[in-house]
């Protein structure tokens, strides 16, 4: 019976701290300071098993928060004494114990701050709002109680509060810097989405053209041509490129155009690549001929099912020179297969995605810095509330014997301990003599 009552009394505090612990662990995981990955070793010291467990990793921050909560509760008791002596301590105790008492009588609902989703190694993920609420409340209470105790112990008056206001108002400037950082992060995210969309469309566009090219190779019986074999094999890879997220494409995407020219996972040599490109060029000239009208004037083929001008967004890179021709004029021509400009464009887009992801990761880490700043700001907000509390209860107008209440208690307690320590040798000596007398009798 008593065990159940104690469990019911402490349950709201435990749920409260567990939600805060999950939020802290999410940031520790995102900063790679304390991972949720656990490795088990066998008797020989070899890795036997590895697993992910956010609930197990949460125990470390939970234990730290539990210690902090005990210290904070003691500070609130002392703050209550500073404000209203023993009456203030009773009120503080009632405030701290009210969630447990409400739980005992069934008034408080069985809330839970455990997040619905936990991202393992989630750099930039700050947890969910319910888990942030306990942290903010703890920070506010810690800032308020320590400020009350500090102002009482050191008799900090109006001069201190004016100096504190300098720090408080300067926080607005730092908040403005965070706003600029968030704006930059939004621009990077938007640019990454645009580049990723262009890459997806370019890969899908070329895959469709190579599908038609491969089908015509089979109809003509030219499957032995190197361009036909390449067109047949590359469609699957291009479709994958059109579906991959940026975090995967910037790692596994093509770093050079030669990586896209392969058959059966075998990279082609330079001569084979030149032969392949010539065959593609011959197909373009056959399907979409360009008529030279003289005096530098050329007539392009009209757009049709087999001749289309590739969109500029997916044909933004100049092709590599082929037989002394740079192919720059071909960017505006209608083409049967636009591999000459799309292949280098896929390489260029991978480079841009890699740069944007690097910037995005830096911005993601800065989110955790802003998270820490917000916790620190909550502590300062608690201290700011304490300044208002001091003015409300007229700390500065108290008579001299009523000031520094905690200091007087500490000094009295230390005095008693000193007197006890000074009299301890005499007490031990008298006890020893008494023991000797009793022994002789």
Protein backbone atom coordinates (compact mmCIF):
# COMPACT_ATOMS: atom_id res chain seq x y z
CA UNK A 1 0.00 0.00 0.00
CA UNK A 2 2.71 2.47 1.01
CA UNK A 3 4.82 1.43 -1.96
CA UNK A 4 1.95 2.11 -4.37
CA UNK A 5 1.32 5.51 -2.79
CA UNK A 6 4.97 6.48 -3.08
CA UNK A 7 5.01 5.31 -6.69
CA UNK A 8 1.91 7.37 -7.47
CA UNK A 9 3.36 10.39 -5.69
CA UNK A 10 6.67 10.38 -7.56
CA UNK A 11 5.27 9.33 -10.98
CA UNK A 12 4.62 12.90 -12.29
CA UNK A 13 8.18 13.93 -11.40
CA UNK A 14 9.65 10.86 -13.10
CA UNK A 15 7.60 11.40 -16.27
CA UNK A 16 8.55 15.07 -16.18
CA UNK A 17 12.28 14.30 -16.00
CA UNK A 18 12.12 11.47 -18.56
CA UNK A 19 10.68 13.86 -21.16
CA UNK A 20 13.49 16.34 -20.48
CA UNK A 21 16.09 13.54 -20.60
CA UNK A 22 14.92 12.42 -24.05
CA UNK A 23 15.22 15.99 -25.30
CA UNK A 24 18.76 16.31 -23.97
CA UNK A 25 19.76 12.92 -25.38
CA UNK A 26 18.47 13.93 -28.82
CA UNK A 27 20.83 16.91 -28.81
CA UNK A 28 23.75 14.86 -27.43
CA UNK A 29 23.12 12.32 -30.19
CA UNK A 30 22.92 15.05 -32.82
CA UNK A 31 26.23 16.54 -31.68
CA UNK A 32 27.77 13.01 -31.58
CA UNK A 33 28.76 13.55 -27.93
CA UNK A 34 26.84 10.58 -26.52
CA UNK A 35 25.44 8.11 -29.00
CA UNK A 36 22.41 5.87 -28.69
CA UNK A 37 24.44 3.03 -30.21
CA UNK A 38 25.65 0.39 -27.76
CA UNK A 39 28.28 -2.25 -28.48
CA UNK A 40 28.58 -5.51 -26.57
CA UNK A 41 31.86 -7.45 -26.39
CA UNK A 42 32.51 -11.11 -25.79
CA UNK A 43 35.02 -12.60 -23.34
CA UNK A 44 37.83 -12.17 -25.89
CA UNK A 45 37.18 -8.45 -26.26
CA UNK A 46 35.68 -8.83 -29.74
CA UNK A 47 32.50 -7.06 -30.81
CA UNK A 48 29.65 -9.51 -30.29
CA UNK A 49 26.58 -7.38 -30.77
CA UNK A 50 25.56 -3.81 -31.56
CA UNK A 51 22.17 -2.20 -31.11
CA UNK A 52 20.39 1.17 -30.94
CA UNK A 53 18.47 2.11 -27.81
CA UNK A 54 17.37 5.67 -27.14
CA UNK A 55 15.62 4.60 -23.93
CA UNK A 56 18.84 3.11 -22.57
CA UNK A 57 20.92 6.13 -23.59
CA UNK A 58 18.39 8.38 -21.89
CA UNK A 59 19.35 7.07 -18.42
CA UNK A 60 22.54 9.16 -18.26
CA UNK A 61 20.84 12.56 -18.75
CA UNK A 62 17.95 11.33 -16.58
CA UNK A 63 20.33 10.67 -13.68
CA UNK A 64 21.92 14.09 -14.11
CA UNK A 65 18.51 15.76 -14.19
CA UNK A 66 17.44 13.85 -11.08
CA UNK A 67 20.43 15.23 -9.17
CA UNK A 68 19.72 18.69 -10.56
CA UNK A 69 16.07 18.43 -9.52
CA UNK A 70 17.03 17.57 -5.93
CA UNK A 71 19.45 20.51 -5.80
CA UNK A 72 16.85 22.81 -7.38
CA UNK A 73 14.21 21.74 -4.85
CA UNK A 74 16.60 22.52 -1.99
CA UNK A 75 17.34 25.92 -3.56
CA UNK A 76 13.62 26.65 -3.82
CA UNK A 77 13.21 25.81 -0.11
CA UNK A 78 15.99 28.23 0.73
CA UNK A 79 14.50 30.86 -1.56
CA UNK A 80 11.20 30.46 0.26
CA UNK A 81 13.00 31.12 3.54
CA UNK A 82 14.65 34.23 2.09
CA UNK A 83 11.27 35.58 0.99
CA UNK A 84 9.11 34.63 3.97
CA UNK A 85 11.19 32.72 6.47
CA UNK A 86 9.54 29.45 7.67
CA UNK A 87 6.21 30.43 6.18
CA UNK A 88 7.90 30.85 2.82
CA UNK A 89 9.54 27.45 3.16
CA UNK A 90 6.16 25.82 3.84
CA UNK A 91 4.67 27.48 0.77
CA UNK A 92 7.68 26.40 -1.33
CA UNK A 93 7.29 22.82 -0.10
CA UNK A 94 3.60 22.85 -1.03
CA UNK A 95 4.40 24.15 -4.50
CA UNK A 96 7.02 21.46 -5.10
CA UNK A 97 4.86 18.68 -3.68
CA UNK A 98 1.64 19.78 -5.40
CA UNK A 99 2.13 17.56 -8.53
CA UNK A 100 2.70 14.49 -6.32
CA UNK A 101 -0.27 15.30 -4.08
CA UNK A 102 -2.47 15.90 -7.11
CA UNK A 103 -1.38 12.55 -8.49
CA UNK A 104 -2.30 10.82 -5.23
CA UNK A 105 -5.86 12.16 -5.29
CA UNK A 106 -6.21 11.50 -9.04
CA UNK A 107 -6.57 15.13 -10.12
CA UNK A 108 -3.55 15.32 -12.40
CA UNK A 109 -3.84 13.41 -15.73
CA UNK A 110 -1.28 10.75 -16.60
CA UNK A 111 0.68 12.88 -19.07
CA UNK A 112 3.74 11.70 -20.96
CA UNK A 113 6.59 13.77 -22.38
CA UNK A 114 8.20 10.82 -24.19
CA UNK A 115 8.65 11.79 -27.88
CA UNK A 116 6.72 9.93 -30.55
CA UNK A 117 9.82 9.88 -32.74
CA UNK A 118 13.53 9.74 -31.93
CA UNK A 119 16.07 10.31 -34.72
CA UNK A 120 19.27 8.34 -34.16
CA UNK A 121 22.28 10.55 -34.87
CA UNK A 122 19.89 13.28 -35.95
CA UNK A 123 22.11 16.33 -36.34
CA UNK A 124 19.85 19.37 -36.31
CA UNK A 125 16.92 17.49 -34.73
CA UNK A 126 15.97 19.18 -31.44
CA UNK A 127 13.35 16.77 -30.17
CA UNK A 128 9.70 17.56 -29.70
CA UNK A 129 7.95 20.40 -27.90
CA UNK A 130 6.64 18.31 -24.94
CA UNK A 131 10.20 17.34 -24.04
CA UNK A 132 11.32 20.97 -24.15
CA UNK A 133 8.68 22.10 -21.64
CA UNK A 134 10.28 20.36 -18.61
CA UNK A 135 13.72 21.74 -19.54
CA UNK A 136 12.44 25.30 -19.74
CA UNK A 137 10.60 24.97 -16.41
CA UNK A 138 13.70 23.51 -14.72
CA UNK A 139 15.89 26.27 -16.16
CA UNK A 140 13.46 28.99 -15.05
CA UNK A 141 13.21 27.58 -11.51
CA UNK A 142 16.97 27.13 -11.23
CA UNK A 143 17.64 30.65 -12.45
CA UNK A 144 15.01 32.12 -10.12
CA UNK A 145 16.07 30.25 -6.97
CA UNK A 146 19.82 30.75 -7.41
CA UNK A 147 19.31 34.46 -8.11
CA UNK A 148 17.19 34.85 -4.95
CA UNK A 149 19.83 33.04 -2.88
CA UNK A 150 22.66 35.02 -4.44
CA UNK A 151 20.99 38.39 -3.87
CA UNK A 152 20.38 37.49 -0.24
CA UNK A 153 23.83 36.08 0.51
CA UNK A 154 25.75 38.94 -1.08
CA UNK A 155 23.24 41.77 -0.45
CA UNK A 156 22.98 42.56 -4.16
CA UNK A 157 20.90 45.68 -4.57
CA UNK A 158 19.69 47.93 -7.36
CA UNK A 159 23.19 48.33 -8.79
CA UNK A 160 23.36 44.59 -9.48
CA UNK A 161 19.93 44.56 -11.11
CA UNK A 162 20.92 47.44 -13.40
CA UNK A 163 24.07 45.58 -14.43
CA UNK A 164 22.01 42.44 -15.02
CA UNK A 165 19.66 44.40 -17.30
CA UNK A 166 22.64 45.19 -19.55
CA UNK A 167 23.15 41.46 -20.08
CA UNK A 168 19.43 40.84 -20.42
CA UNK A 169 18.84 43.44 -23.12
CA UNK A 170 21.94 42.39 -25.04
CA UNK A 171 20.29 38.99 -25.56
CA UNK A 172 18.07 40.66 -28.16
CA UNK A 173 21.13 41.22 -30.37
CA UNK A 174 22.14 37.57 -30.15
CA UNK A 175 18.56 36.56 -30.92
CA UNK A 176 18.81 38.75 -34.04
CA UNK A 177 21.93 36.84 -35.14
CA UNK A 178 20.04 33.58 -34.74
CA UNK A 179 17.25 35.00 -36.90
CA UNK A 180 19.77 35.75 -39.65
CA UNK A 181 21.17 32.22 -39.28
CA UNK A 182 17.72 30.70 -39.60
CA UNK A 183 17.10 32.80 -42.70
CA UNK A 184 20.36 31.58 -44.25
CA UNK A 185 19.46 27.99 -43.37
CA UNK A 186 16.11 28.41 -45.13
CA UNK A 187 17.84 29.69 -48.26
CA UNK A 188 20.27 26.78 -48.26
CA UNK A 189 17.40 24.33 -47.80
CA UNK A 190 15.51 25.92 -50.69
CA UNK A 191 18.58 25.85 -52.94
CA UNK A 192 19.22 22.20 -52.08
CA UNK A 193 15.64 21.29 -52.97
CA UNK A 194 15.92 23.12 -56.30
CA UNK A 195 19.23 21.45 -57.21
CA UNK A 196 17.91 18.06 -56.13
CA UNK A 197 14.77 18.50 -58.23
CA UNK A 198 16.88 19.45 -61.26
CA UNK A 199 19.07 16.39 -60.79
CA UNK A 200 16.06 14.09 -60.41
CA UNK A 201 14.43 15.48 -63.53
CA UNK A 202 17.68 15.35 -65.55
CA UNK A 203 18.30 11.70 -64.65
CA UNK A 204 14.70 10.72 -65.42
CA UNK A 205 14.73 12.71 -68.67
CA UNK A 206 17.88 10.98 -69.95
CA UNK A 207 16.60 7.57 -68.79
CA UNK A 208 13.48 7.98 -70.96
CA UNK A 209 15.56 9.00 -73.97
CA UNK A 210 17.89 6.03 -73.53
CA UNK A 211 14.90 3.72 -73.27
CA UNK A 212 13.71 4.88 -76.72
CA UNK A 213 17.26 4.69 -78.06
CA UNK A 214 17.68 1.12 -76.76
CA UNK A 215 14.33 0.09 -78.23
CA UNK A 216 15.40 1.39 -81.65
CA UNK A 217 18.68 -0.48 -81.33
CA UNK A 218 16.76 -3.73 -80.93
CA UNK A 219 14.53 -2.91 -83.90
CA UNK A 220 17.55 -2.26 -86.15
CA UNK A 221 19.58 -5.14 -84.75
CA UNK A 222 22.34 -2.81 -83.51
CA UNK A 223 22.46 -4.18 -79.97
CA UNK A 224 26.15 -4.95 -80.41
CA UNK A 225 26.97 -1.25 -80.72
CA UNK A 226 28.60 0.13 -77.61
CA UNK A 227 26.10 3.00 -77.36
CA UNK A 228 23.21 0.50 -77.46
CA UNK A 229 24.74 -1.59 -74.69
CA UNK A 230 25.37 1.57 -72.65
CA UNK A 231 21.80 2.81 -73.17
CA UNK A 232 20.39 -0.54 -72.05
CA UNK A 233 22.52 -0.72 -68.91
CA UNK A 234 22.43 2.94 -67.79
CA UNK A 235 18.65 3.28 -67.54
CA UNK A 236 18.47 1.52 -64.16
CA UNK A 237 21.24 3.68 -62.68
CA UNK A 238 19.68 6.89 -63.98
CA UNK A 239 16.31 5.91 -62.51
CA UNK A 240 18.05 5.39 -59.17
CA UNK A 241 19.62 8.84 -59.48
CA UNK A 242 16.16 10.27 -60.09
CA UNK A 243 14.94 8.78 -56.79
CA UNK A 244 17.92 9.12 -54.45
CA UNK A 245 17.82 11.77 -51.72
CA UNK A 246 20.57 14.38 -51.68
CA UNK A 247 22.39 12.81 -48.72
CA UNK A 248 22.83 9.62 -50.76
CA UNK A 249 23.50 11.19 -54.16
CA UNK A 250 26.27 13.48 -52.93
CA UNK A 251 28.11 10.41 -51.56
CA UNK A 252 27.43 7.83 -54.29
CA UNK A 253 26.68 10.02 -57.30
CA UNK A 254 29.13 10.41 -60.21
CA UNK A 255 32.17 12.57 -59.49
CA UNK A 256 33.33 12.47 -63.14
CA UNK A 257 31.61 11.89 -66.46
CA UNK A 258 33.65 8.69 -66.89
CA UNK A 259 31.74 7.14 -63.96
CA UNK A 260 28.53 7.42 -65.97
CA UNK A 261 30.04 5.72 -69.01
CA UNK A 262 30.16 2.08 -67.93
CA UNK A 263 28.60 -1.18 -69.05
CA UNK A 264 27.98 -4.10 -66.75
CA UNK A 265 29.66 -2.17 -63.91
CA UNK A 266 32.82 -1.99 -66.04
CA UNK A 267 34.21 1.48 -66.62
CA UNK A 268 34.91 2.20 -70.28
CA UNK A 269 38.30 3.45 -71.38
CA UNK A 270 38.76 6.75 -73.19
CA UNK A 271 38.61 5.26 -76.68
CA UNK A 272 35.39 3.38 -75.89
CA UNK A 273 33.83 6.53 -74.45
CA UNK A 274 34.72 8.48 -77.61
CA UNK A 275 33.23 5.73 -79.79
CA UNK A 276 30.07 5.71 -77.67
CA UNK A 277 29.67 9.49 -77.91
CA UNK A 278 30.21 9.41 -81.69
CA UNK A 279 27.45 6.84 -82.09
CA UNK A 280 25.09 9.01 -79.98
CA UNK A 281 26.05 12.03 -82.09
CA UNK A 282 25.36 10.11 -85.31
CA UNK A 283 21.94 9.16 -83.97
CA UNK A 284 21.21 12.81 -83.18
CA UNK A 285 22.32 13.89 -86.65
CA UNK A 286 20.11 11.22 -88.24
CA UNK A 287 16.98 11.92 -86.19
CA UNK A 288 17.42 15.67 -85.79
CA UNK A 289 19.57 16.92 -88.69
CA UNK A 290 20.88 20.47 -88.69
CA UNK A 291 20.87 22.09 -92.15
CA UNK A 292 23.64 24.59 -92.88
CA UNK A 293 22.13 27.45 -94.91
CA UNK A 294 25.43 29.26 -95.37
CA UNK A 295 26.85 32.49 -93.96
CA UNK A 296 26.84 30.96 -90.47
CA UNK A 297 23.08 30.37 -90.55
CA UNK A 298 21.78 26.94 -89.57
CA UNK A 299 18.31 25.46 -89.58
CA UNK A 300 17.48 23.23 -86.62
CA UNK A 301 15.05 20.35 -86.76
CA UNK A 302 11.55 21.10 -85.58
CA UNK A 303 10.54 19.69 -82.19
CA UNK A 304 8.83 16.31 -82.44
CA UNK A 305 8.47 13.06 -80.49
CA UNK A 306 12.08 12.14 -81.30
CA UNK A 307 13.59 15.64 -81.41
CA UNK A 308 13.29 17.86 -78.37
CA UNK A 309 15.27 20.72 -76.97
CA UNK A 310 16.30 19.73 -73.40
CA UNK A 311 15.28 22.23 -70.71
CA UNK A 312 18.06 24.63 -69.72
CA UNK A 313 17.83 23.58 -66.07
CA UNK A 314 19.01 20.07 -66.87
CA UNK A 315 21.39 21.03 -69.67
CA UNK A 316 23.50 23.68 -67.97
CA UNK A 317 26.98 22.18 -68.52
CA UNK A 318 29.00 22.29 -71.72
CA UNK A 319 29.86 18.87 -73.13
CA UNK A 320 33.45 17.71 -73.32
CA UNK A 321 35.14 18.31 -76.70
CA UNK A 322 34.58 15.58 -79.29
CA UNK A 323 36.61 15.44 -82.50
CA UNK A 324 37.59 19.09 -82.10
CA UNK A 325 33.99 20.23 -81.64
CA UNK A 326 33.10 21.71 -78.24
CA UNK A 327 29.36 21.15 -78.69
CA UNK A 328 28.38 24.51 -77.18
CA UNK A 329 26.12 25.30 -80.10
CA UNK A 330 24.25 22.07 -79.49
CA UNK A 331 22.78 23.32 -76.21
CA UNK A 332 20.02 25.11 -78.12
CA UNK A 333 19.44 22.38 -80.71
CA UNK A 334 16.76 19.71 -80.72
CA UNK A 335 18.25 16.35 -79.82
CA UNK A 336 17.29 12.72 -79.91
CA UNK A 337 19.52 11.86 -76.92
CA UNK A 338 20.80 14.79 -74.83
CA UNK A 339 23.52 12.82 -73.05
CA UNK A 340 26.24 15.23 -74.16
CA UNK A 341 24.98 17.97 -71.85
CA UNK A 342 23.02 15.95 -69.26
CA UNK A 343 25.92 13.67 -68.30
CA UNK A 344 28.23 16.56 -67.27
CA UNK A 345 25.24 18.33 -65.72
CA UNK A 346 24.64 15.33 -63.40
CA UNK A 347 28.28 15.60 -62.29
CA UNK A 348 27.97 19.34 -61.74
CA UNK A 349 24.73 18.96 -59.79
CA UNK A 350 26.37 16.37 -57.51
CA UNK A 351 29.12 18.88 -56.71
CA UNK A 352 26.54 21.56 -55.92
CA UNK A 353 24.51 19.20 -53.74
CA UNK A 354 27.68 18.18 -51.86
CA UNK A 355 28.52 21.84 -51.12
CA UNK A 356 24.98 22.66 -50.06
CA UNK A 357 24.76 19.58 -47.82
CA UNK A 358 28.05 20.56 -46.15
CA UNK A 359 26.60 24.01 -45.44
CA UNK A 360 23.35 22.45 -44.31
CA UNK A 361 25.18 20.18 -41.86
CA UNK A 362 27.03 23.16 -40.42
CA UNK A 363 23.70 24.96 -40.01
CA UNK A 364 22.22 21.82 -38.44
CA UNK A 365 24.97 21.79 -35.80
CA UNK A 366 24.33 25.46 -35.08
CA UNK A 367 20.73 24.53 -34.22
CA UNK A 368 22.05 22.69 -31.18
CA UNK A 369 24.07 25.76 -30.22
CA UNK A 370 20.89 27.81 -30.40
CA UNK A 371 19.18 25.11 -28.29
CA UNK A 372 21.84 25.50 -25.62
CA UNK A 373 21.49 29.27 -25.84
CA UNK A 374 17.74 28.97 -25.29
CA UNK A 375 18.32 26.90 -22.14
CA UNK A 376 20.79 29.53 -20.94
CA UNK A 377 18.30 32.26 -21.85
CA UNK A 378 15.63 30.46 -19.77
CA UNK A 379 17.99 30.51 -16.78
CA UNK A 380 18.51 34.24 -17.28
CA UNK A 381 14.75 34.69 -17.59
CA UNK A 382 14.38 33.01 -14.20
CA UNK A 383 16.96 35.42 -12.77
CA UNK A 384 15.05 38.31 -14.31
CA UNK A 385 11.86 37.10 -12.60
CA UNK A 386 13.85 36.91 -9.36
CA UNK A 387 14.72 40.61 -9.74
CA UNK A 388 11.01 41.36 -9.95
CA UNK A 389 10.38 39.15 -6.89
CA UNK A 390 12.97 41.08 -4.90
CA UNK A 391 11.27 44.36 -5.76
CA UNK A 392 7.84 42.92 -4.94
CA UNK A 393 8.91 41.91 -1.43
CA UNK A 394 11.02 45.04 -0.86
CA UNK A 395 14.30 43.30 -0.11
CA UNK A 396 16.15 46.63 -0.22
CA UNK A 397 13.86 48.21 2.40
CA UNK A 398 14.31 45.47 4.97
CA UNK A 399 15.98 46.44 8.24
CA UNK A 400 19.59 45.35 8.59
CA UNK A 401 18.84 42.36 10.91
CA UNK A 402 16.41 41.00 8.27
CA UNK A 403 18.94 41.12 5.45
CA UNK A 404 21.22 38.23 4.50
CA UNK A 405 18.95 35.68 6.17
CA UNK A 406 20.73 32.69 4.71
CA UNK A 407 24.10 34.11 5.65
CA UNK A 408 22.98 34.41 9.25
CA UNK A 409 21.72 30.80 9.25
CA UNK A 410 24.93 29.53 7.67
CA UNK A 411 27.05 31.58 10.08
CA UNK A 412 25.03 30.31 13.06
CA UNK A 413 25.29 26.72 11.86
CA UNK A 414 29.01 27.01 11.27
CA UNK A 415 29.40 28.59 14.71
CA UNK A 416 27.63 25.66 16.33
CA UNK A 417 29.79 23.21 14.39
CA UNK A 418 32.91 25.10 15.45
CA UNK A 419 31.92 25.05 19.10
CA UNK A 420 31.08 21.36 18.81
CA UNK A 421 34.43 20.66 17.21
CA UNK A 422 36.28 22.67 19.85
CA UNK A 423 34.57 20.85 22.70
CA UNK A 424 34.96 17.42 21.10
CA UNK A 425 38.53 16.77 22.39
CA UNK A 426 37.51 17.68 25.96
CA UNK A 427 34.43 15.46 25.65
CA UNK A 428 36.52 12.56 24.36
CA UNK A 429 39.07 13.01 27.17
CA UNK A 430 36.37 12.99 29.85
CA UNK A 431 34.77 9.95 28.24
CA UNK A 432 38.11 8.15 28.27
CA UNK A 433 38.65 8.90 31.97
CA UNK A 434 35.17 7.71 32.79
CA UNK A 435 35.81 4.51 30.87
CA UNK A 436 39.06 3.90 32.79
CA UNK A 437 37.37 4.46 36.13
CA UNK A 438 34.55 2.07 35.26
CA UNK A 439 37.08 -0.53 34.05
CA UNK A 440 39.05 -0.42 37.32
CA UNK A 441 35.90 -0.89 39.35
